[in-house]
Amino acid sequence: MRIVVVDPSDAAAVAALHRIYVTVGQADNPQTFVAAPVAEIREVLAAPTARFEFTAFLGFAGDEPVASGWAALGRRDAPHLAYLTPRVLPQQRRRGHGSRVLAAMERHAATHGRTLLLSTAVWAAEHGPDGSGSAPVGFAAARGFRLAHTSVRLKLELPTDRGRLDALLAQRAARRAGYTTRSWVGPVPQELLAGWAVLHAMLSEDEPHGELERPAETPDPDAIRDDERILAESGRVKVNAAVLSPAEALVAFSSILTRISAPDAAFQQGTVVDRNHRGRGLGALAKVAALRLLEETRPDITAVVTENAQDNGHILELNRAVGCVPVLYSGDFQRHLTAPAAPH
């Protein structure tokens, strides 16, 4: 197999990379796959973000691109990490293509001084939380990756049950006196940005990680703006809801990612509540406000996909209360790389 690094200025190569990404996603995860637009792929390959530097690979069988690799090298908070994602077209599997692309990415990570490799894969619910008997878990295990953490992917069909959401909000309503909500579509208002960055870091810190080794995220307003810029340039936008305390401090938020020009399923990106304000149902308040704004502004979207750590009982309970239904599992795998991978 011939493997090449994708030049972001090569439109044909980027299109082939995106085509493999979409084909594999739709084949392996038809219930919840939501494709990033090709413009976003090109944008992040062309320039690093505040947190990652991306490199993509294409694997060819003859002249036909049949496999790809996506390597995200951590910066700032995680200079030792590399997130690796190999993909092989369904009809081209079991020929060693995935192993070859993964090996190329491992060499790339080692060359750039990365010592911890992470990868994520999904499998059907029938295989259970440990993925026993599933192809992704078998592939990872055979190549030295260990399943370190499992998440549950859920789907909420729209429109929501208004009565169900009203009943959810009625719980603990008396404890929310003086708290207000603010909802909008698009970038975080400047006056909320610093508080948003703090909560964003808290979201990463609070989510259970099992045995997965992940660095603590520091509050970074520039990284928030960087992500917003990439989304805007690739035709995607967030629907947001914030909760303000009686002192008008930002204490909770919920975000849902949408594609501006297509009715693809929206993706719940996170719901978090400041630790000092928990126990009042503020997470439910923010989530419901974001869902209602989504339905108001995008009636063409028919579902929202979300993902939660399987050991995060509180947020799973909240999502089920909203009406989300579990559909599959997602696993995070890791492997320590103590020396540069051997050359071909």
C-alpha atoms as a PDB file:
ATOM      1  CA  MET A   1       0.000   0.000   0.000  1.00  0.00           C
ATOM      2  CA  ARG A   2       1.210   3.479  -0.895  1.00  0.00           C
ATOM      3  CA  ILE A   3       0.571   5.982   1.924  1.00  0.00           C
ATOM      4  CA  VAL A   4       0.874   9.736   1.433  1.00  0.00           C
ATOM      5  CA  VAL A   5       0.411  12.779   3.650  1.00  0.00           C
ATOM      6  CA  VAL A   6      -2.519  14.892   2.489  1.00  0.00           C
ATOM      7  CA  ASP A   7      -1.649  18.367   1.272  1.00  0.00           C
ATOM      8  CA  PRO A   8      -4.523  20.660   2.378  1.00  0.00           C
ATOM      9  CA  SER A   9      -4.134  22.634  -0.851  1.00  0.00           C
ATOM     10  CA  ASP A  10      -4.757  19.480  -2.917  1.00  0.00           C
ATOM     11  CA  ALA A  11      -8.521  19.612  -3.431  1.00  0.00           C
ATOM     12  CA  ALA A  12      -8.707  16.091  -4.886  1.00  0.00           C
ATOM     13  CA  ALA A  13      -6.820  14.570  -1.941  1.00  0.00           C
ATOM     14  CA  VAL A  14      -8.946  16.410   0.626  1.00  0.00           C
ATOM     15  CA  ALA A  15     -12.101  15.310  -1.207  1.00  0.00           C
ATOM     16  CA  ALA A  16     -10.915  11.684  -1.161  1.00  0.00           C
ATOM     17  CA  LEU A  17     -10.133  11.966   2.553  1.00  0.00           C
ATOM     18  CA  HIS A  18     -13.596  13.346   3.257  1.00  0.00           C
ATOM     19  CA  ARG A  19     -15.249  10.705   1.059  1.00  0.00           C
ATOM     20  CA  ILE A  20     -13.623   7.871   3.033  1.00  0.00           C
ATOM     21  CA  TYR A  21     -14.553   9.559   6.327  1.00  0.00           C
ATOM     22  CA  VAL A  22     -18.214   9.864   5.317  1.00  0.00           C
ATOM     23  CA  THR A  23     -18.467   6.383   3.777  1.00  0.00           C
ATOM     24  CA  VAL A  24     -16.965   4.711   6.844  1.00  0.00           C
ATOM     25  CA  GLY A  25     -19.059   6.775   9.257  1.00  0.00           C
ATOM     26  CA  GLN A  26     -22.296   5.972   7.482  1.00  0.00           C
ATOM     27  CA  ALA A  27     -21.423   2.276   7.260  1.00  0.00           C
ATOM     28  CA  ASP A  28     -20.231   1.788  10.844  1.00  0.00           C
ATOM     29  CA  ASN A  29     -22.497   4.236  12.643  1.00  0.00           C
ATOM     30  CA  PRO A  30     -25.659   4.833  10.594  1.00  0.00           C
ATOM     31  CA  GLN A  31     -27.804   5.798  13.582  1.00  0.00           C
ATOM     32  CA  THR A  32     -25.752   8.694  14.932  1.00  0.00           C
ATOM     33  CA  PHE A  33     -23.054   9.642  12.407  1.00  0.00           C
ATOM     34  CA  VAL A  34     -22.931  13.381  11.686  1.00  0.00           C
ATOM     35  CA  ALA A  35     -20.303  14.369   9.120  1.00  0.00           C
ATOM     36  CA  ALA A  36     -18.151  17.455   9.443  1.00  0.00           C
ATOM     37  CA  PRO A  37     -18.164  19.379   6.134  1.00  0.00           C
ATOM     38  CA  VAL A  38     -15.186  19.081   3.821  1.00  0.00           C
ATOM     39  CA  ALA A  39     -14.389  22.765   4.378  1.00  0.00           C
ATOM     40  CA  GLU A  40     -13.766  22.098   8.065  1.00  0.00           C
ATOM     41  CA  ILE A  41     -11.424  19.214   7.247  1.00  0.00           C
ATOM     42  CA  ARG A  42      -9.449  21.429   4.888  1.00  0.00           C
ATOM     43  CA  GLU A  43      -9.353  24.305   7.370  1.00  0.00           C
ATOM     44  CA  VAL A  44      -7.896  22.365  10.290  1.00  0.00           C
ATOM     45  CA  LEU A  45      -5.346  20.646   8.057  1.00  0.00           C
ATOM     46  CA  ALA A  46      -4.162  23.996   6.736  1.00  0.00           C
ATOM     47  CA  ALA A  47      -3.427  25.554  10.142  1.00  0.00           C
ATOM     48  CA  PRO A  48      -3.189  24.212  13.697  1.00  0.00           C
ATOM     49  CA  THR A  49      -5.811  25.146  16.237  1.00  0.00           C
ATOM     50  CA  ALA A  50      -4.984  26.375  19.725  1.00  0.00           C
ATOM     51  CA  ARG A  51      -5.024  22.800  21.048  1.00  0.00           C
ATOM     52  CA  PHE A  52      -4.158  20.511  18.106  1.00  0.00           C
ATOM     53  CA  GLU A  53      -2.067  20.167  14.993  1.00  0.00           C
ATOM     54  CA  PHE A  54      -3.663  17.868  12.401  1.00  0.00           C
ATOM     55  CA  THR A  55      -2.109  15.663   9.742  1.00  0.00           C
ATOM     56  CA  ALA A  56      -4.055  13.362   7.421  1.00  0.00           C
ATOM     57  CA  PHE A  57      -2.911  10.340   5.434  1.00  0.00           C
ATOM     58  CA  LEU A  58      -4.323   8.537   2.406  1.00  0.00           C
ATOM     59  CA  GLY A  59      -3.654   4.878   1.648  1.00  0.00           C
ATOM     60  CA  PHE A  60      -3.856   3.707  -1.966  1.00  0.00           C
ATOM     61  CA  ALA A  61      -4.518   0.287  -3.468  1.00  0.00           C
ATOM     62  CA  GLY A  62      -3.140   0.931  -6.915  1.00  0.00           C
ATOM     63  CA  ASP A  63      -4.440   4.366  -7.839  1.00  0.00           C
ATOM     64  CA  GLU A  64      -7.551   4.107  -5.662  1.00  0.00           C
ATOM     65  CA  PRO A  65      -7.677   5.743  -2.196  1.00  0.00           C
ATOM     66  CA  VAL A  66      -9.117   3.036   0.079  1.00  0.00           C
ATOM     67  CA  ALA A  67      -7.955   4.047   3.562  1.00  0.00           C
ATOM     68  CA  SER A  68      -7.172   7.147   5.546  1.00  0.00           C
ATOM     69  CA  GLY A  69      -5.578   8.220   8.777  1.00  0.00           C
ATOM     70  CA  TRP A  70      -6.280  11.253  10.933  1.00  0.00           C
ATOM     71  CA  ALA A  71      -3.604  12.275  13.436  1.00  0.00           C
ATOM     72  CA  ALA A  72      -4.222  15.066  15.929  1.00  0.00           C
ATOM     73  CA  LEU A  73      -1.107  16.012  17.889  1.00  0.00           C
ATOM     74  CA  GLY A  74      -1.784  17.772  21.164  1.00  0.00           C
ATOM     75  CA  ARG A  75      -0.370  21.222  21.817  1.00  0.00           C
ATOM     76  CA  ARG A  76      -0.474  23.502  24.905  1.00  0.00           C
ATOM     77  CA  ASP A  77      -2.042  21.257  27.575  1.00  0.00           C
ATOM     78  CA  ALA A  78      -1.093  17.945  25.910  1.00  0.00           C
ATOM     79  CA  PRO A  79       2.229  18.020  24.042  1.00  0.00           C
ATOM     80  CA  HIS A  80       2.716  14.269  24.704  1.00  0.00           C
ATOM     81  CA  LEU A  81      -0.590  13.110  23.165  1.00  0.00           C
ATOM     82  CA  ALA A  82      -1.547  11.944  19.692  1.00  0.00           C
ATOM     83  CA  TYR A  83      -5.137  11.079  18.756  1.00  0.00           C
ATOM     84  CA  LEU A  84      -5.089   8.594  15.877  1.00  0.00           C
ATOM     85  CA  THR A  85      -8.028   7.534  13.715  1.00  0.00           C
ATOM     86  CA  PRO A  86      -7.518   4.937  10.969  1.00  0.00           C
ATOM     87  CA  ARG A  87     -10.382   4.355   8.498  1.00  0.00           C
ATOM     88  CA  VAL A  88     -10.745   1.722   5.775  1.00  0.00           C
ATOM     89  CA  LEU A  89     -13.552   1.477   3.219  1.00  0.00           C
ATOM     90  CA  PRO A  90     -15.838  -1.443   4.179  1.00  0.00           C
ATOM     91  CA  GLN A  91     -15.164  -3.433   0.993  1.00  0.00           C
ATOM     92  CA  GLN A  92     -11.396  -3.068   1.484  1.00  0.00           C
ATOM     93  CA  ARG A  93     -11.131  -4.409   5.037  1.00  0.00           C
ATOM     94  CA  ARG A  94      -9.236  -7.471   6.298  1.00  0.00           C
ATOM     95  CA  ARG A  95      -6.389  -6.817   3.882  1.00  0.00           C
ATOM     96  CA  GLY A  96      -4.001  -5.110   6.316  1.00  0.00           C
ATOM     97  CA  HIS A  97      -4.791  -1.582   5.122  1.00  0.00           C
ATOM     98  CA  GLY A  98      -5.857  -0.346   8.565  1.00  0.00           C
ATOM     99  CA  SER A  99      -2.698  -1.725  10.186  1.00  0.00           C
ATOM    100  CA  ARG A 100      -0.476  -0.030   7.623  1.00  0.00           C
ATOM    101  CA  VAL A 101      -2.164   3.356   7.982  1.00  0.00           C
ATOM    102  CA  LEU A 102      -2.056   3.080  11.782  1.00  0.00           C
ATOM    103  CA  ALA A 103       1.660   2.242  11.648  1.00  0.00           C
ATOM    104  CA  ALA A 104       2.293   5.319   9.507  1.00  0.00           C
ATOM    105  CA  MET A 105       0.492   7.511  12.038  1.00  0.00           C
ATOM    106  CA  GLU A 106       2.400   5.932  14.928  1.00  0.00           C
ATOM    107  CA  ARG A 107       5.692   6.770  13.211  1.00  0.00           C
ATOM    108  CA  HIS A 108       4.446  10.316  12.676  1.00  0.00           C
ATOM    109  CA  ALA A 109       3.549  10.617  16.373  1.00  0.00           C
ATOM    110  CA  ALA A 110       6.871   9.191  17.508  1.00  0.00           C
ATOM    111  CA  THR A 111       8.817  11.491  15.197  1.00  0.00           C
ATOM    112  CA  HIS A 112       7.068  14.431  16.842  1.00  0.00           C
ATOM    113  CA  GLY A 113       7.874  13.224  20.362  1.00  0.00           C
ATOM    114  CA  ARG A 114       4.423  11.931  21.328  1.00  0.00           C
ATOM    115  CA  THR A 115       4.412   9.124  23.883  1.00  0.00           C
ATOM    116  CA  LEU A 116       0.713   8.439  24.492  1.00  0.00           C
ATOM    117  CA  LEU A 117      -1.516   7.337  21.618  1.00  0.00           C
ATOM    118  CA  LEU A 118      -5.286   7.604  21.903  1.00  0.00           C
ATOM    119  CA  SER A 119      -7.987   6.401  19.541  1.00  0.00           C
ATOM    120  CA  THR A 120     -11.787   6.180  19.570  1.00  0.00           C
ATOM    121  CA  ALA A 121     -14.154   3.697  17.935  1.00  0.00           C
ATOM    122  CA  VAL A 122     -17.841   2.796  18.104  1.00  0.00           C
ATOM    123  CA  TRP A 123     -19.623  -0.551  18.254  1.00  0.00           C
ATOM    124  CA  ALA A 124     -23.176  -1.857  18.398  1.00  0.00           C
ATOM    125  CA  ALA A 125     -24.977  -2.074  21.739  1.00  0.00           C
ATOM    126  CA  GLU A 126     -25.247  -5.860  21.393  1.00  0.00           C
ATOM    127  CA  HIS A 127     -21.522  -6.160  22.173  1.00  0.00           C
ATOM    128  CA  GLY A 128     -21.940  -4.516  25.569  1.00  0.00           C
ATOM    129  CA  PRO A 129     -19.800  -1.854  27.276  1.00  0.00           C
ATOM    130  CA  ASP A 130     -16.549  -3.792  26.771  1.00  0.00           C
ATOM    131  CA  GLY A 131     -17.183  -4.384  23.062  1.00  0.00           C
ATOM    132  CA  SER A 132     -16.631  -8.146  23.305  1.00  0.00           C
ATOM    133  CA  GLY A 133     -16.632  -9.697  19.846  1.00  0.00           C
ATOM    134  CA  SER A 134     -16.765  -6.378  17.994  1.00  0.00           C
ATOM    135  CA  ALA A 135     -14.373  -5.655  15.133  1.00  0.00           C
ATOM    136  CA  PRO A 136     -13.110  -2.269  16.469  1.00  0.00           C
ATOM    137  CA  VAL A 137     -12.176  -3.667  19.890  1.00  0.00           C
ATOM    138  CA  GLY A 138     -10.509  -6.694  18.303  1.00  0.00           C
ATOM    139  CA  PHE A 139      -8.529  -4.490  15.914  1.00  0.00           C
ATOM    140  CA  ALA A 140      -7.353  -2.217  18.734  1.00  0.00           C
ATOM    141  CA  ALA A 141      -6.384  -5.057  21.063  1.00  0.00           C
ATOM    142  CA  ALA A 142      -4.374  -6.824  18.347  1.00  0.00           C
ATOM    143  CA  ARG A 143      -2.308  -3.669  17.879  1.00  0.00           C
ATOM    144  CA  GLY A 144      -1.521  -3.006  21.518  1.00  0.00           C
ATOM    145  CA  PHE A 145      -4.306  -0.545  22.341  1.00  0.00           C
ATOM    146  CA  ARG A 146      -6.208  -1.053  25.587  1.00  0.00           C
ATOM    147  CA  LEU A 147      -9.825  -0.036  26.129  1.00  0.00           C
ATOM    148  CA  ALA A 148      -9.554   2.600  28.858  1.00  0.00           C
ATOM    149  CA  HIS A 149     -13.010   4.122  28.909  1.00  0.00           C
ATOM    150  CA  THR A 150     -16.480   3.566  27.460  1.00  0.00           C
ATOM    151  CA  SER A 151     -19.187   6.093  26.631  1.00  0.00           C
ATOM    152  CA  VAL A 152     -22.815   5.693  25.653  1.00  0.00           C
ATOM    153  CA  ARG A 153     -24.093   7.421  22.541  1.00  0.00           C
ATOM    154  CA  LEU A 154     -27.733   8.480  22.699  1.00  0.00           C
ATOM    155  CA  LYS A 155     -30.251   9.944  20.278  1.00  0.00           C
ATOM    156  CA  LEU A 156     -33.156  12.310  20.886  1.00  0.00           C
ATOM    157  CA  GLU A 157     -35.845  12.394  18.217  1.00  0.00           C
ATOM    158  CA  LEU A 158     -37.335  15.820  17.528  1.00  0.00           C
ATOM    159  CA  PRO A 159     -39.702  17.483  18.145  1.00  0.00           C
ATOM    160  CA  THR A 160     -39.343  17.072  21.883  1.00  0.00           C
ATOM    161  CA  ASP A 161     -42.204  16.208  24.188  1.00  0.00           C
ATOM    162  CA  ARG A 162     -43.061  19.663  25.531  1.00  0.00           C
ATOM    163  CA  GLY A 163     -44.976  18.308  28.503  1.00  0.00           C
ATOM    164  CA  ARG A 164     -42.066  16.076  29.428  1.00  0.00           C
ATOM    165  CA  LEU A 165     -39.651  19.009  29.394  1.00  0.00           C
ATOM    166  CA  ASP A 166     -42.043  21.193  31.394  1.00  0.00           C
ATOM    167  CA  ALA A 167     -42.272  18.465  34.039  1.00  0.00           C
ATOM    168  CA  LEU A 168     -38.473  18.229  34.155  1.00  0.00           C
ATOM    169  CA  LEU A 169     -38.132  21.978  34.671  1.00  0.00           C
ATOM    170  CA  ALA A 170     -40.730  21.919  37.433  1.00  0.00           C
ATOM    171  CA  GLN A 171     -38.372  19.802  39.505  1.00  0.00           C
ATOM    172  CA  ARG A 172     -36.310  21.950  41.897  1.00  0.00           C
ATOM    173  CA  ALA A 173     -37.777  25.110  40.376  1.00  0.00           C
ATOM    174  CA  ALA A 174     -38.044  26.688  43.825  1.00  0.00           C
ATOM    175  CA  ARG A 175     -34.275  26.376  44.251  1.00  0.00           C
ATOM    176  CA  ARG A 176     -33.631  28.433  41.134  1.00  0.00           C
ATOM    177  CA  ALA A 177     -35.121  31.717  42.312  1.00  0.00           C
ATOM    178  CA  GLY A 178     -33.154  34.609  40.826  1.00  0.00           C
ATOM    179  CA  TYR A 179     -31.421  32.516  38.158  1.00  0.00           C
ATOM    180  CA  THR A 180     -32.058  33.506  34.540  1.00  0.00           C
ATOM    181  CA  THR A 181     -31.393  32.002  31.130  1.00  0.00           C
ATOM    182  CA  ARG A 182     -29.965  33.542  28.006  1.00  0.00           C
ATOM    183  CA  SER A 183     -30.036  31.773  24.630  1.00  0.00           C
ATOM    184  CA  TRP A 184     -28.514  32.612  21.247  1.00  0.00           C
ATOM    185  CA  VAL A 185     -27.178  31.145  18.006  1.00  0.00           C
ATOM    186  CA  GLY A 186     -23.528  31.711  17.162  1.00  0.00           C
ATOM    187  CA  PRO A 187     -20.403  32.852  19.023  1.00  0.00           C
ATOM    188  CA  VAL A 188     -20.312  33.354  22.772  1.00  0.00           C
ATOM    189  CA  PRO A 189     -20.937  37.028  23.622  1.00  0.00           C
ATOM    190  CA  GLN A 190     -17.716  38.730  24.665  1.00  0.00           C
ATOM    191  CA  GLU A 191     -19.007  39.538  28.147  1.00  0.00           C
ATOM    192  CA  LEU A 192     -19.596  35.813  28.793  1.00  0.00           C
ATOM    193  CA  LEU A 193     -16.416  34.489  27.166  1.00  0.00           C
ATOM    194  CA  ALA A 194     -14.139  34.304  30.226  1.00  0.00           C
ATOM    195  CA  GLY A 195     -16.776  32.510  32.293  1.00  0.00           C
ATOM    196  CA  TRP A 196     -17.563  30.224  29.365  1.00  0.00           C
ATOM    197  CA  ALA A 197     -13.902  29.192  29.105  1.00  0.00           C
ATOM    198  CA  VAL A 198     -13.819  28.363  32.829  1.00  0.00           C
ATOM    199  CA  LEU A 199     -16.916  26.179  32.551  1.00  0.00           C
ATOM    200  CA  HIS A 200     -15.596  24.535  29.385  1.00  0.00           C
ATOM    201  CA  ALA A 201     -12.470  23.466  31.257  1.00  0.00           C
ATOM    202  CA  MET A 202     -14.628  22.285  34.164  1.00  0.00           C
ATOM    203  CA  LEU A 203     -16.674  20.166  31.762  1.00  0.00           C
ATOM    204  CA  SER A 204     -13.551  18.318  30.663  1.00  0.00           C
ATOM    205  CA  GLU A 205     -12.301  17.942  34.230  1.00  0.00           C
ATOM    206  CA  ASP A 206     -15.574  16.648  35.674  1.00  0.00           C
ATOM    207  CA  GLU A 207     -16.381  14.063  33.014  1.00  0.00           C
ATOM    208  CA  PRO A 208     -15.372  10.574  34.232  1.00  0.00           C
ATOM    209  CA  HIS A 209     -12.413   9.213  32.260  1.00  0.00           C
ATOM    210  CA  GLY A 210     -12.053   5.716  33.684  1.00  0.00           C
ATOM    211  CA  GLU A 211      -8.434   4.638  33.110  1.00  0.00           C
ATOM    212  CA  LEU A 212      -8.016   7.050  30.213  1.00  0.00           C
ATOM    213  CA  GLU A 213      -5.037   9.368  30.671  1.00  0.00           C
ATOM    214  CA  ARG A 214      -6.173  12.855  29.729  1.00  0.00           C
ATOM    215  CA  PRO A 215      -4.516  16.122  30.743  1.00  0.00           C
ATOM    216  CA  ALA A 216      -6.379  18.782  32.652  1.00  0.00           C
ATOM    217  CA  GLU A 217      -7.726  21.504  30.386  1.00  0.00           C
ATOM    218  CA  THR A 218      -6.958  25.092  31.351  1.00  0.00           C
ATOM    219  CA  PRO A 219      -9.487  27.873  30.688  1.00  0.00           C
ATOM    220  CA  ASP A 220      -8.615  29.335  27.286  1.00  0.00           C
ATOM    221  CA  PRO A 221     -10.854  32.010  25.729  1.00  0.00           C
ATOM    222  CA  ASP A 222      -8.618  32.081  22.631  1.00  0.00           C
ATOM    223  CA  ALA A 223      -9.273  28.373  22.058  1.00  0.00           C
ATOM    224  CA  ILE A 224     -13.026  28.993  22.254  1.00  0.00           C
ATOM    225  CA  ARG A 225     -12.740  31.715  19.614  1.00  0.00           C
ATOM    226  CA  ASP A 226     -10.484  29.487  17.503  1.00  0.00           C
ATOM    227  CA  ASP A 227     -13.104  26.722  17.481  1.00  0.00           C
ATOM    228  CA  GLU A 228     -15.837  29.225  16.600  1.00  0.00           C
ATOM    229  CA  ARG A 229     -13.798  30.566  13.694  1.00  0.00           C
ATOM    230  CA  ILE A 230     -13.315  27.092  12.225  1.00  0.00           C
ATOM    231  CA  LEU A 231     -17.010  26.294  12.580  1.00  0.00           C
ATOM    232  CA  ALA A 232     -18.054  29.550  10.919  1.00  0.00           C
ATOM    233  CA  GLU A 233     -15.663  29.050   8.000  1.00  0.00           C
ATOM    234  CA  SER A 234     -16.968  25.526   7.424  1.00  0.00           C
ATOM    235  CA  GLY A 235     -20.675  26.289   7.647  1.00  0.00           C
ATOM    236  CA  ARG A 236     -21.492  25.109  11.146  1.00  0.00           C
ATOM    237  CA  VAL A 237     -22.848  27.002  14.115  1.00  0.00           C
ATOM    238  CA  LYS A 238     -23.759  26.351  17.748  1.00  0.00           C
ATOM    239  CA  VAL A 239     -27.092  26.874  19.475  1.00  0.00           C
ATOM    240  CA  ASN A 240     -26.277  27.959  23.025  1.00  0.00           C
ATOM    241  CA  ALA A 241     -28.026  28.504  26.324  1.00  0.00           C
ATOM    242  CA  ALA A 242     -26.463  30.005  29.446  1.00  0.00           C
ATOM    243  CA  VAL A 243     -27.685  30.257  33.010  1.00  0.00           C
ATOM    244  CA  LEU A 244     -26.811  33.379  35.024  1.00  0.00           C
ATOM    245  CA  SER A 245     -26.793  33.498  38.810  1.00  0.00           C
ATOM    246  CA  PRO A 246     -28.650  36.164  40.810  1.00  0.00           C
ATOM    247  CA  ALA A 247     -25.304  38.016  40.762  1.00  0.00           C
ATOM    248  CA  GLU A 248     -25.340  37.702  36.924  1.00  0.00           C
ATOM    249  CA  ALA A 249     -22.339  35.362  36.811  1.00  0.00           C
ATOM    250  CA  LEU A 250     -22.298  32.616  34.184  1.00  0.00           C
ATOM    251  CA  VAL A 251     -22.849  29.369  36.106  1.00  0.00           C
ATOM    252  CA  ALA A 252     -24.092  26.858  33.510  1.00  0.00           C
ATOM    253  CA  PHE A 253     -24.285  26.336  29.778  1.00  0.00           C
ATOM    254  CA  SER A 254     -25.444  23.880  27.140  1.00  0.00           C
ATOM    255  CA  SER A 255     -24.388  23.857  23.463  1.00  0.00           C
ATOM    256  CA  ILE A 256     -25.745  22.069  20.398  1.00  0.00           C
ATOM    257  CA  LEU A 257     -23.796  21.998  17.131  1.00  0.00           C
ATOM    258  CA  THR A 258     -25.638  22.306  13.813  1.00  0.00           C
ATOM    259  CA  ARG A 259     -24.803  22.492  10.134  1.00  0.00           C
ATOM    260  CA  ILE A 260     -26.195  25.703   8.650  1.00  0.00           C
ATOM    261  CA  SER A 261     -27.110  24.414   5.202  1.00  0.00           C
ATOM    262  CA  ALA A 262     -28.264  20.863   5.979  1.00  0.00           C
ATOM    263  CA  PRO A 263     -30.825  19.207   8.289  1.00  0.00           C
ATOM    264  CA  ASP A 264     -28.289  16.703   9.629  1.00  0.00           C
ATOM    265  CA  ALA A 265     -28.776  15.528  13.182  1.00  0.00           C
ATOM    266  CA  ALA A 266     -27.505  18.131  15.622  1.00  0.00           C
ATOM    267  CA  PHE A 267     -24.794  17.159  18.096  1.00  0.00           C
ATOM    268  CA  GLN A 268     -24.984  18.002  21.794  1.00  0.00           C
ATOM    269  CA  GLN A 269     -21.525  19.350  22.615  1.00  0.00           C
ATOM    270  CA  GLY A 270     -21.769  19.710  26.342  1.00  0.00           C
ATOM    271  CA  THR A 271     -23.808  20.683  29.378  1.00  0.00           C
ATOM    272  CA  VAL A 272     -22.027  21.844  32.512  1.00  0.00           C
ATOM    273  CA  VAL A 273     -22.878  23.538  35.822  1.00  0.00           C
ATOM    274  CA  ASP A 274     -20.483  25.383  38.113  1.00  0.00           C
ATOM    275  CA  ARG A 275     -19.743  23.189  41.142  1.00  0.00           C
ATOM    276  CA  ASN A 276     -20.877  25.900  43.552  1.00  0.00           C
ATOM    277  CA  HIS A 277     -24.330  26.050  41.976  1.00  0.00           C
ATOM    278  CA  ARG A 278     -25.231  22.397  41.570  1.00  0.00           C
ATOM    279  CA  GLY A 279     -28.300  20.712  42.998  1.00  0.00           C
ATOM    280  CA  ARG A 280     -30.718  23.295  41.578  1.00  0.00           C
ATOM    281  CA  GLY A 281     -31.501  21.682  38.248  1.00  0.00           C
ATOM    282  CA  LEU A 282     -29.485  24.259  36.317  1.00  0.00           C
ATOM    283  CA  GLY A 283     -28.188  21.627  33.906  1.00  0.00           C
ATOM    284  CA  ALA A 284     -31.740  20.724  32.962  1.00  0.00           C
ATOM    285  CA  LEU A 285     -32.600  24.421  32.669  1.00  0.00           C
ATOM    286  CA  ALA A 286     -29.726  25.065  30.244  1.00  0.00           C
ATOM    287  CA  LYS A 287     -30.313  21.889  28.221  1.00  0.00           C
ATOM    288  CA  VAL A 288     -34.025  22.543  27.772  1.00  0.00           C
ATOM    289  CA  ALA A 289     -33.406  26.183  26.809  1.00  0.00           C
ATOM    290  CA  ALA A 290     -30.903  25.110  24.137  1.00  0.00           C
ATOM    291  CA  LEU A 291     -33.250  22.417  22.802  1.00  0.00           C
ATOM    292  CA  ARG A 292     -36.150  24.831  22.569  1.00  0.00           C
ATOM    293  CA  LEU A 293     -34.079  27.427  20.737  1.00  0.00           C
ATOM    294  CA  LEU A 294     -32.889  24.686  18.355  1.00  0.00           C
ATOM    295  CA  GLU A 295     -36.479  23.693  17.598  1.00  0.00           C
ATOM    296  CA  GLU A 296     -37.492  27.318  17.162  1.00  0.00           C
ATOM    297  CA  THR A 297     -34.653  28.232  14.791  1.00  0.00           C
ATOM    298  CA  ARG A 298     -34.115  24.882  13.022  1.00  0.00           C
ATOM    299  CA  PRO A 299     -37.443  23.027  12.673  1.00  0.00           C
ATOM    300  CA  ASP A 300     -35.873  21.030   9.820  1.00  0.00           C
ATOM    301  CA  ILE A 301     -33.543  19.151  12.204  1.00  0.00           C
ATOM    302  CA  THR A 302     -35.142  15.902  13.336  1.00  0.00           C
ATOM    303  CA  ALA A 303     -32.707  14.551  15.942  1.00  0.00           C
ATOM    304  CA  VAL A 304     -29.973  15.420  18.429  1.00  0.00           C
ATOM    305  CA  VAL A 305     -27.086  13.041  19.137  1.00  0.00           C
ATOM    306  CA  THR A 306     -25.184  13.124  22.411  1.00  0.00           C
ATOM    307  CA  GLU A 307     -22.505  11.068  24.134  1.00  0.00           C
ATOM    308  CA  ASN A 308     -21.835  10.520  27.829  1.00  0.00           C
ATOM    309  CA  ALA A 309     -19.407   8.495  29.904  1.00  0.00           C
ATOM    310  CA  GLN A 310     -21.206   5.318  30.917  1.00  0.00           C
ATOM    311  CA  ASP A 311     -20.200   5.937  34.541  1.00  0.00           C
ATOM    312  CA  ASN A 312     -21.581   9.496  34.531  1.00  0.00           C
ATOM    313  CA  GLY A 313     -24.892   8.513  36.075  1.00  0.00           C
ATOM    314  CA  HIS A 314     -26.157  12.050  36.652  1.00  0.00           C
ATOM    315  CA  ILE A 315     -25.901  13.283  33.073  1.00  0.00           C
ATOM    316  CA  LEU A 316     -27.187   9.970  31.688  1.00  0.00           C
ATOM    317  CA  GLU A 317     -30.219  10.299  33.947  1.00  0.00           C
ATOM    318  CA  LEU A 318     -30.744  13.871  32.733  1.00  0.00           C
ATOM    319  CA  ASN A 319     -30.507  12.870  29.084  1.00  0.00           C
ATOM    320  CA  ARG A 320     -32.944  10.009  29.572  1.00  0.00           C
ATOM    321  CA  ALA A 321     -35.300  12.399  31.351  1.00  0.00           C
ATOM    322  CA  VAL A 322     -35.196  14.658  28.279  1.00  0.00           C
ATOM    323  CA  GLY A 323     -36.072  11.676  26.077  1.00  0.00           C
ATOM    324  CA  CYS A 324     -32.700  10.458  24.771  1.00  0.00           C
ATOM    325  CA  VAL A 325     -32.418   6.754  23.915  1.00  0.00           C
ATOM    326  CA  PRO A 326     -29.081   4.816  24.013  1.00  0.00           C
ATOM    327  CA  VAL A 327     -28.125   3.432  20.591  1.00  0.00           C
ATOM    328  CA  LEU A 328     -24.465   2.310  20.739  1.00  0.00           C
ATOM    329  CA  TYR A 329     -21.184   2.427  22.635  1.00  0.00           C
ATOM    330  CA  SER A 330     -18.058   4.471  22.001  1.00  0.00           C
ATOM    331  CA  GLY A 331     -14.695   3.412  23.390  1.00  0.00           C
ATOM    332  CA  ASP A 332     -11.485   5.318  24.069  1.00  0.00           C
ATOM    333  CA  PHE A 333      -8.329   3.244  23.614  1.00  0.00           C
ATOM    334  CA  GLN A 334      -4.779   4.094  24.606  1.00  0.00           C
ATOM    335  CA  ARG A 335      -1.270   2.822  24.055  1.00  0.00           C
ATOM    336  CA  HIS A 336       2.021   4.088  25.439  1.00  0.00           C
ATOM    337  CA  LEU A 337       4.752   4.691  22.880  1.00  0.00           C
ATOM    338  CA  THR A 338       8.118   4.642  24.592  1.00  0.00           C
ATOM    339  CA  ALA A 339      10.331   4.588  21.524  1.00  0.00           C
ATOM    340  CA  PRO A 340      10.042   5.677  17.895  1.00  0.00           C
ATOM    341  CA  ALA A 341       8.226   3.154  15.761  1.00  0.00           C
ATOM    342  CA  ALA A 342      10.433   1.087  13.474  1.00  0.00           C
ATOM    343  CA  PRO A 343      10.759   2.261   9.851  1.00  0.00           C
ATOM    344  CA  HIS A 344       9.305   0.269   6.949  1.00  0.00           C
END
